[in-house]
Amino acid sequence: MKEKISGLQLFYVIAGFEFGTAMLFGLGAEAKQDAWLVIVIGMLSSLILMGVFTQLSLYYPNDTLVSMLPKIIGKYLSYPVIIIYIIHFIYSAARACRDFGELIVSTILIETPIVFVIGSFMVLMIYCLRGGVETFGRMGEMVFPIYIMSMIVIWILLFSVEDFNFKNLTPVLGNGIKPILNEVYPNIINFPFGETIIMMMFFPFLNNKRIIRTVGMSVILCGGLLLALNFIFILSVLGPELYGTSEFPLLRATRMVSIADFLERFDALIILMMVAGVFFKVGGWTFGASVAISQLFKINNTKSILLALGTLITPLSLLIGTDFVEHLEIGFNYFVPYFHVPLQIIVPIILLCIAFIRKKINPENS
């Protein structure tokens, strides 16, 4: 693999991927005022999961998740598993596109068909990815600081809201620990933290393989802390009841900002964050799918694969749900428990156990 990416570039790309669409949704809403605690516990649990991902990549530093599978479980058994992972990557990219399209057409482009919004975005996405992982990494260096700056500006603006009150976060653990754990497992540990399994498709491109674990753990910690802080601000403005009933609670909270009855409607900042976040999210999934397909079918040129993926993801994003509510229900009620849990938790743990045994029995050929 000639193309290389630095540890910092990979951190920017995957941290942006982790925030992606998660910043905008009311994650952990069932835990009421303890939604931010759901993120913290999910983050700490996900450090173990990232330990599994990074250990596998340290065992096979020159292999992606897809190319290490035949070495661990054998050539024929690995084929169906690889195909399922490819479907997972493509479907996840389509879901992120749908989130993006729904927000755009419900806020600033109300009369615009959603297919046009998603299609235009995918054209730009594929154009960037055709430049290779180095181009994607450099774009990450440019886009991630804009994302973080937008986020900080929004937090500062939320302080000015008249209803802002940290008392909305009390009583801490008022409903006990059970609602928090019900939200963490399986939802939050899988979305957004477990989705960082996509890093295993990027690790072989790192110019310094020794920092695999450092980058992986940094992404989980940084992403978790920023998400928790974000939900603390949103809950302080909206309170747990409004937080739980809003499709996009961050957008709703930002719309309450009014400085001297003059500076209002900061929706554009949210849109900027969403575009940046979905850039990382869709880019990560699409890149992972293209590399997986090229390695499975031994295709050297991924540019044609990316074009095919672009034309597939756009209509798929519209077919996955008749409306936004159904789209979210399918995600959390079916996709997370039946796809995310096996592919992002169970399979990697089994793979690590088998790889560990192989290393112990036959270190040279493992």
Protein backbone atom coordinates (compact mmCIF):
# COMPACT_ATOMS: atom_id res chain seq x y z
CA MET A 1 0.00 0.00 0.00
CA LYS A 2 1.83 3.04 -1.30
CA GLU A 3 -0.51 5.69 0.05
CA LYS A 4 0.09 6.73 3.64
CA ILE A 5 -1.76 8.78 6.23
CA SER A 6 -0.34 10.33 9.41
CA GLY A 7 -1.58 9.50 12.90
CA LEU A 8 -2.97 13.02 13.32
CA GLN A 9 -4.83 12.87 10.00
CA LEU A 10 -6.36 9.52 10.97
CA PHE A 11 -7.35 10.97 14.34
CA TYR A 12 -9.10 13.92 12.63
CA VAL A 13 -10.93 11.66 10.17
CA ILE A 14 -12.14 9.08 12.72
CA ALA A 15 -12.93 11.60 15.49
CA GLY A 16 -15.03 13.51 12.93
CA PHE A 17 -16.55 10.18 11.87
CA GLU A 18 -17.44 9.40 15.50
CA PHE A 19 -19.13 12.79 16.09
CA GLY A 20 -20.64 12.68 12.59
CA THR A 21 -24.38 12.66 13.07
CA ALA A 22 -24.27 11.70 16.78
CA MET A 23 -23.92 15.36 17.86
CA LEU A 24 -27.34 16.24 16.50
CA PHE A 25 -29.48 13.39 17.86
CA GLY A 26 -30.92 13.05 21.35
CA LEU A 27 -28.84 10.03 22.33
CA GLY A 28 -29.65 8.49 25.71
CA ALA A 29 -33.02 10.25 25.89
CA GLU A 30 -34.58 7.44 27.96
CA ALA A 31 -32.12 8.26 30.76
CA LYS A 32 -33.64 11.78 30.95
CA GLN A 33 -31.24 14.24 32.65
CA ASP A 34 -28.54 11.55 32.84
CA ALA A 35 -28.14 11.36 29.04
CA TRP A 36 -24.63 12.80 29.36
CA LEU A 37 -23.74 9.99 31.81
CA VAL A 38 -24.87 7.48 29.19
CA ILE A 39 -22.17 8.89 26.88
CA VAL A 40 -19.49 8.77 29.60
CA ILE A 41 -20.23 5.13 30.52
CA GLY A 42 -20.48 4.22 26.83
CA MET A 43 -17.08 5.84 26.24
CA LEU A 44 -15.41 3.94 29.09
CA SER A 45 -16.93 0.64 27.91
CA SER A 46 -15.81 1.36 24.35
CA LEU A 47 -12.18 1.67 25.41
CA ILE A 48 -12.26 -2.12 25.89
CA LEU A 49 -13.79 -2.51 22.43
CA MET A 50 -11.13 -0.28 20.89
CA GLY A 51 -8.54 -2.43 22.69
CA VAL A 52 -9.91 -5.42 20.73
CA PHE A 53 -9.77 -3.54 17.39
CA THR A 54 -6.25 -2.23 17.94
CA GLN A 55 -4.87 -5.55 19.20
CA LEU A 56 -6.12 -7.29 16.06
CA SER A 57 -4.47 -4.61 13.94
CA LEU A 58 -1.23 -4.95 15.93
CA TYR A 59 -1.27 -8.71 15.27
CA TYR A 60 -1.75 -8.03 11.53
CA PRO A 61 -0.34 -4.49 11.00
CA ASN A 62 -0.38 -4.66 7.19
CA ASP A 63 -3.92 -6.01 6.93
CA THR A 64 -7.32 -4.36 6.96
CA LEU A 65 -10.21 -6.06 8.77
CA VAL A 66 -11.15 -7.72 5.47
CA SER A 67 -7.67 -8.95 4.50
CA MET A 68 -6.94 -10.36 7.98
CA LEU A 69 -10.14 -12.44 8.07
CA PRO A 70 -8.86 -15.26 5.76
CA LYS A 71 -5.66 -15.45 7.86
CA ILE A 72 -7.67 -15.89 11.06
CA ILE A 73 -10.68 -18.04 10.14
CA GLY A 74 -9.65 -19.47 6.77
CA LYS A 75 -10.31 -18.59 3.15
CA TYR A 76 -13.78 -20.10 2.64
CA LEU A 77 -15.31 -19.22 6.01
CA SER A 78 -14.16 -15.63 5.63
CA TYR A 79 -16.02 -14.95 2.33
CA PRO A 80 -19.56 -14.68 3.75
CA VAL A 81 -18.28 -12.65 6.74
CA ILE A 82 -16.51 -10.19 4.41
CA ILE A 83 -19.64 -9.79 2.27
CA ILE A 84 -21.73 -9.08 5.40
CA TYR A 85 -19.21 -6.41 6.47
CA ILE A 86 -19.35 -4.81 3.01
CA ILE A 87 -23.18 -4.69 3.24
CA HIS A 88 -22.83 -3.18 6.72
CA PHE A 89 -20.48 -0.43 5.47
CA ILE A 90 -22.67 0.45 2.46
CA TYR A 91 -25.92 0.45 4.48
CA SER A 92 -24.33 2.60 7.22
CA ALA A 93 -23.18 5.13 4.60
CA ALA A 94 -26.74 5.25 3.25
CA ARG A 95 -28.14 5.83 6.75
CA ALA A 96 -25.75 8.75 7.34
CA CYS A 97 -26.78 10.26 3.97
CA ARG A 98 -30.46 9.98 4.94
CA ASP A 99 -29.78 11.78 8.27
CA PHE A 100 -28.04 14.56 6.36
CA GLY A 101 -30.75 14.86 3.72
CA GLU A 102 -33.57 14.96 6.29
CA LEU A 103 -31.91 17.77 8.25
CA ILE A 104 -31.18 19.86 5.15
CA VAL A 105 -34.68 19.59 3.63
CA SER A 106 -36.34 20.29 7.00
CA THR A 107 -34.31 23.44 7.68
CA ILE A 108 -32.80 25.42 4.80
CA LEU A 109 -33.83 23.70 1.53
CA ILE A 110 -37.47 23.01 2.33
CA GLU A 111 -38.72 22.88 -1.28
CA THR A 112 -35.74 20.87 -2.58
CA PRO A 113 -36.22 17.12 -3.26
CA ILE A 114 -34.15 15.07 -0.82
CA VAL A 115 -32.75 12.95 -3.66
CA PHE A 116 -31.09 16.05 -5.13
CA VAL A 117 -29.52 16.99 -1.77
CA ILE A 118 -28.11 13.51 -1.13
CA GLY A 119 -27.07 13.02 -4.77
CA SER A 120 -25.13 16.31 -4.86
CA PHE A 121 -23.38 15.45 -1.62
CA MET A 122 -22.39 11.99 -2.89
CA VAL A 123 -20.91 13.48 -6.09
CA LEU A 124 -18.60 15.66 -3.96
CA MET A 125 -17.84 12.74 -1.62
CA ILE A 126 -16.83 10.37 -4.42
CA TYR A 127 -14.75 13.11 -6.07
CA CYS A 128 -12.76 13.51 -2.83
CA LEU A 129 -12.36 9.76 -2.20
CA ARG A 130 -11.13 9.12 -5.75
CA GLY A 131 -8.04 11.10 -4.75
CA GLY A 132 -7.15 8.30 -2.32
CA VAL A 133 -6.63 8.05 1.42
CA GLU A 134 -4.01 10.83 1.42
CA THR A 135 -6.50 13.30 -0.05
CA PHE A 136 -9.13 12.19 2.46
CA GLY A 137 -6.61 12.67 5.29
CA ARG A 138 -5.70 16.18 4.10
CA MET A 139 -9.39 17.06 3.80
CA GLY A 140 -9.77 15.86 7.38
CA GLU A 141 -7.04 18.31 8.45
CA MET A 142 -8.99 21.13 6.80
CA VAL A 143 -12.55 20.20 7.82
CA PHE A 144 -12.07 18.97 11.41
CA PRO A 145 -10.88 22.34 12.85
CA ILE A 146 -13.92 24.04 11.20
CA TYR A 147 -16.16 21.42 12.83
CA ILE A 148 -14.65 21.96 16.28
CA MET A 149 -14.73 25.77 15.95
CA SER A 150 -18.42 25.66 14.96
CA MET A 151 -19.13 23.45 17.95
CA ILE A 152 -17.36 25.78 20.40
CA VAL A 153 -19.17 28.83 18.98
CA ILE A 154 -22.53 27.05 19.43
CA TRP A 155 -21.71 26.16 23.04
CA ILE A 156 -20.80 29.80 23.79
CA LEU A 157 -24.06 30.96 22.18
CA LEU A 158 -26.08 28.46 24.25
CA PHE A 159 -24.79 30.17 27.41
CA SER A 160 -26.74 33.28 26.33
CA VAL A 161 -30.11 31.46 26.24
CA GLU A 162 -32.40 32.74 28.96
CA ASP A 163 -33.52 29.22 29.96
CA PHE A 164 -29.94 27.91 30.31
CA ASN A 165 -29.68 26.23 33.72
CA PHE A 166 -27.34 23.47 34.92
CA LYS A 167 -30.11 22.45 37.39
CA ASN A 168 -31.74 20.69 34.42
CA LEU A 169 -29.06 18.02 34.93
CA THR A 170 -30.26 17.22 38.45
CA PRO A 171 -30.94 14.97 40.21
CA VAL A 172 -27.96 12.95 38.95
CA LEU A 173 -28.95 9.25 38.88
CA GLY A 174 -32.45 10.38 39.88
CA ASN A 175 -33.98 7.37 38.11
CA GLY A 176 -31.24 4.96 39.18
CA ILE A 177 -28.55 3.28 37.09
CA LYS A 178 -30.86 0.91 35.14
CA PRO A 179 -32.14 3.43 32.50
CA ILE A 180 -28.54 4.48 31.86
CA LEU A 181 -27.31 0.91 31.33
CA ASN A 182 -30.33 0.14 29.10
CA GLU A 183 -29.27 3.03 26.85
CA VAL A 184 -25.56 2.19 26.89
CA TYR A 185 -26.08 -1.48 25.96
CA PRO A 186 -26.62 -2.04 23.10
CA ASN A 187 -27.30 1.42 21.65
CA ILE A 188 -24.57 3.86 22.68
CA ILE A 189 -21.71 1.37 22.79
CA ASN A 190 -22.51 0.64 19.12
CA PHE A 191 -23.58 4.08 17.92
CA PRO A 192 -21.38 6.05 17.78
CA PHE A 193 -18.47 4.27 19.56
CA GLY A 194 -18.62 0.76 18.08
CA GLU A 195 -18.73 2.19 14.57
CA THR A 196 -15.05 3.11 14.98
CA ILE A 197 -14.38 -0.46 13.81
CA ILE A 198 -13.98 1.31 10.45
CA MET A 199 -10.52 2.36 11.73
CA MET A 200 -9.37 -1.18 10.97
CA MET A 201 -9.81 -0.38 7.28
CA PHE A 202 -7.47 2.63 7.71
CA PHE A 203 -4.76 1.23 10.01
CA PRO A 204 -2.63 -0.39 7.23
CA PHE A 205 -2.31 3.05 5.60
CA LEU A 206 -0.73 4.57 8.76
CA ASN A 207 2.84 5.74 8.22
CA ASN A 208 3.72 4.67 11.78
CA LYS A 209 2.10 1.41 12.89
CA ARG A 210 3.37 1.76 16.47
CA ILE A 211 0.82 4.48 17.25
CA ILE A 212 -2.23 2.37 16.28
CA ARG A 213 -3.39 1.98 19.90
CA THR A 214 -2.63 5.61 20.81
CA VAL A 215 -4.72 6.93 17.92
CA GLY A 216 -7.57 4.49 18.60
CA MET A 217 -7.85 5.26 22.31
CA SER A 218 -7.52 9.03 21.68
CA VAL A 219 -10.45 8.93 19.27
CA ILE A 220 -12.72 7.21 21.84
CA LEU A 221 -11.71 9.51 24.72
CA CYS A 222 -11.84 12.76 22.76
CA GLY A 223 -15.10 11.84 21.02
CA GLY A 224 -16.76 10.68 24.24
CA LEU A 225 -15.81 13.75 26.27
CA LEU A 226 -16.90 16.20 23.55
CA LEU A 227 -20.21 14.36 23.04
CA ALA A 228 -20.87 14.35 26.80
CA LEU A 229 -20.09 18.07 27.00
CA ASN A 230 -22.39 18.73 24.04
CA PHE A 231 -25.31 16.92 25.67
CA ILE A 232 -24.70 18.74 28.97
CA PHE A 233 -25.16 22.06 27.12
CA ILE A 234 -28.25 20.86 25.23
CA LEU A 235 -29.89 19.46 28.40
CA SER A 236 -29.11 22.69 30.28
CA VAL A 237 -31.06 24.62 27.64
CA LEU A 238 -33.94 22.27 26.78
CA GLY A 239 -34.37 20.17 29.91
CA PRO A 240 -34.87 16.38 29.75
CA GLU A 241 -38.48 16.47 28.46
CA LEU A 242 -37.86 18.64 25.39
CA TYR A 243 -34.55 16.84 24.80
CA GLY A 244 -36.34 13.50 24.58
CA THR A 245 -39.05 14.70 22.17
CA SER A 246 -36.85 16.60 19.68
CA GLU A 247 -35.63 15.00 16.46
CA PHE A 248 -32.63 17.34 16.38
CA PRO A 249 -32.20 18.68 19.96
CA LEU A 250 -29.00 20.63 19.17
CA LEU A 251 -30.80 22.49 16.37
CA ARG A 252 -33.77 23.18 18.65
CA ALA A 253 -31.50 24.51 21.40
CA THR A 254 -29.57 26.73 18.98
CA ARG A 255 -32.80 28.23 17.66
CA MET A 256 -33.48 29.52 21.18
CA VAL A 257 -30.38 31.74 21.00
CA SER A 258 -31.34 35.41 20.78
CA ILE A 259 -28.76 38.09 21.58
CA ALA A 260 -30.36 41.53 22.17
CA ASP A 261 -33.26 40.48 19.90
CA PHE A 262 -30.89 41.07 17.00
CA LEU A 263 -28.56 38.10 16.57
CA GLU A 264 -30.78 35.09 15.96
CA ARG A 265 -31.22 32.01 13.74
CA PHE A 266 -27.83 30.37 14.01
CA ASP A 267 -29.11 27.36 12.04
CA ALA A 268 -26.32 27.86 9.52
CA LEU A 269 -23.73 26.79 12.11
CA ILE A 270 -25.60 23.54 12.73
CA ILE A 271 -25.83 22.93 8.99
CA LEU A 272 -22.08 23.58 8.68
CA MET A 273 -21.42 21.04 11.44
CA MET A 274 -23.74 18.51 9.84
CA VAL A 275 -22.07 18.82 6.42
CA ALA A 276 -18.63 18.41 8.04
CA GLY A 277 -19.77 15.50 10.22
CA VAL A 278 -21.47 13.63 7.39
CA PHE A 279 -18.39 14.23 5.21
CA PHE A 280 -16.37 12.13 7.69
CA LYS A 281 -19.16 9.62 8.34
CA VAL A 282 -20.08 8.82 4.74
CA GLY A 283 -16.44 9.13 3.64
CA GLY A 284 -15.29 6.61 6.25
CA TRP A 285 -17.97 4.03 5.44
CA THR A 286 -17.61 4.45 1.67
CA PHE A 287 -13.81 4.24 1.79
CA GLY A 288 -14.06 1.11 3.96
CA ALA A 289 -16.52 -0.50 1.54
CA SER A 290 -14.37 0.32 -1.52
CA VAL A 291 -11.20 -1.13 0.08
CA ALA A 292 -13.11 -4.23 1.22
CA ILE A 293 -14.55 -4.85 -2.27
CA SER A 294 -11.16 -4.29 -3.95
CA GLN A 295 -9.46 -6.75 -1.56
CA LEU A 296 -12.22 -9.36 -1.83
CA PHE A 297 -12.28 -9.36 -5.63
CA LYS A 298 -8.59 -8.40 -6.02
CA ILE A 299 -9.30 -5.21 -7.98
CA ASN A 300 -6.37 -2.77 -8.02
CA ASN A 301 -8.29 0.32 -9.18
CA THR A 302 -10.81 1.48 -6.57
CA LYS A 303 -11.99 4.51 -8.60
CA SER A 304 -14.56 2.49 -10.55
CA ILE A 305 -15.71 0.85 -7.29
CA LEU A 306 -16.26 4.28 -5.74
CA LEU A 307 -18.39 5.38 -8.71
CA ALA A 308 -20.52 2.25 -8.34
CA LEU A 309 -20.88 2.83 -4.59
CA GLY A 310 -21.92 6.45 -5.15
CA THR A 311 -24.71 5.40 -7.52
CA LEU A 312 -25.83 2.66 -5.09
CA ILE A 313 -25.77 4.62 -1.80
CA THR A 314 -27.95 7.52 -3.03
CA PRO A 315 -31.09 5.47 -3.90
CA LEU A 316 -30.49 3.11 -0.97
CA SER A 317 -30.60 6.05 1.46
CA LEU A 318 -34.12 6.84 0.22
CA LEU A 319 -35.35 3.24 0.34
CA ILE A 320 -34.37 2.48 3.95
CA GLY A 321 -37.41 4.21 5.42
CA THR A 322 -40.61 5.84 4.15
CA ASP A 323 -40.06 8.77 6.51
CA PHE A 324 -37.51 9.95 9.06
CA VAL A 325 -39.28 8.42 12.08
CA GLU A 326 -39.36 4.97 10.44
CA HIS A 327 -35.72 5.40 9.41
CA LEU A 328 -34.71 6.02 13.06
CA GLU A 329 -36.88 3.16 14.37
CA ILE A 330 -35.30 0.68 11.94
CA GLY A 331 -31.86 1.90 13.00
CA PHE A 332 -32.25 1.55 16.77
CA ASN A 333 -34.74 -1.35 16.91
CA TYR A 334 -33.29 -3.64 14.22
CA PHE A 335 -29.98 -2.45 12.76
CA VAL A 336 -28.16 -1.88 16.08
CA PRO A 337 -29.13 -5.15 17.85
CA TYR A 338 -28.98 -7.46 14.80
CA PHE A 339 -26.13 -5.93 12.78
CA HIS A 340 -24.05 -3.70 15.04
CA VAL A 341 -23.84 -6.04 18.03
CA PRO A 342 -22.58 -9.10 16.10
CA LEU A 343 -20.34 -7.22 13.63
CA GLN A 344 -18.88 -4.60 15.98
CA ILE A 345 -18.66 -6.53 19.25
CA ILE A 346 -19.11 -10.32 19.00
CA VAL A 347 -17.17 -11.06 15.76
CA PRO A 348 -14.11 -8.89 16.65
CA ILE A 349 -13.86 -10.54 20.10
CA ILE A 350 -14.06 -14.03 18.54
CA LEU A 351 -11.45 -13.02 15.93
CA LEU A 352 -9.11 -11.75 18.64
CA CYS A 353 -9.43 -15.00 20.62
CA ILE A 354 -8.66 -17.09 17.52
CA ALA A 355 -5.76 -14.81 16.51
CA PHE A 356 -4.34 -15.00 20.04
CA ILE A 357 -4.47 -18.83 20.01
CA ARG A 358 -2.87 -18.90 16.52
CA LYS A 359 -0.06 -16.65 17.70
CA LYS A 360 0.60 -18.85 20.70
CA ILE A 361 0.51 -22.16 18.80
CA ASN A 362 2.39 -21.09 15.67
CA PRO A 363 3.93 -17.59 15.91
CA GLU A 364 5.68 -17.80 12.51
CA ASN A 365 2.74 -18.76 10.32
CA SER A 366 -0.07 -16.95 12.15
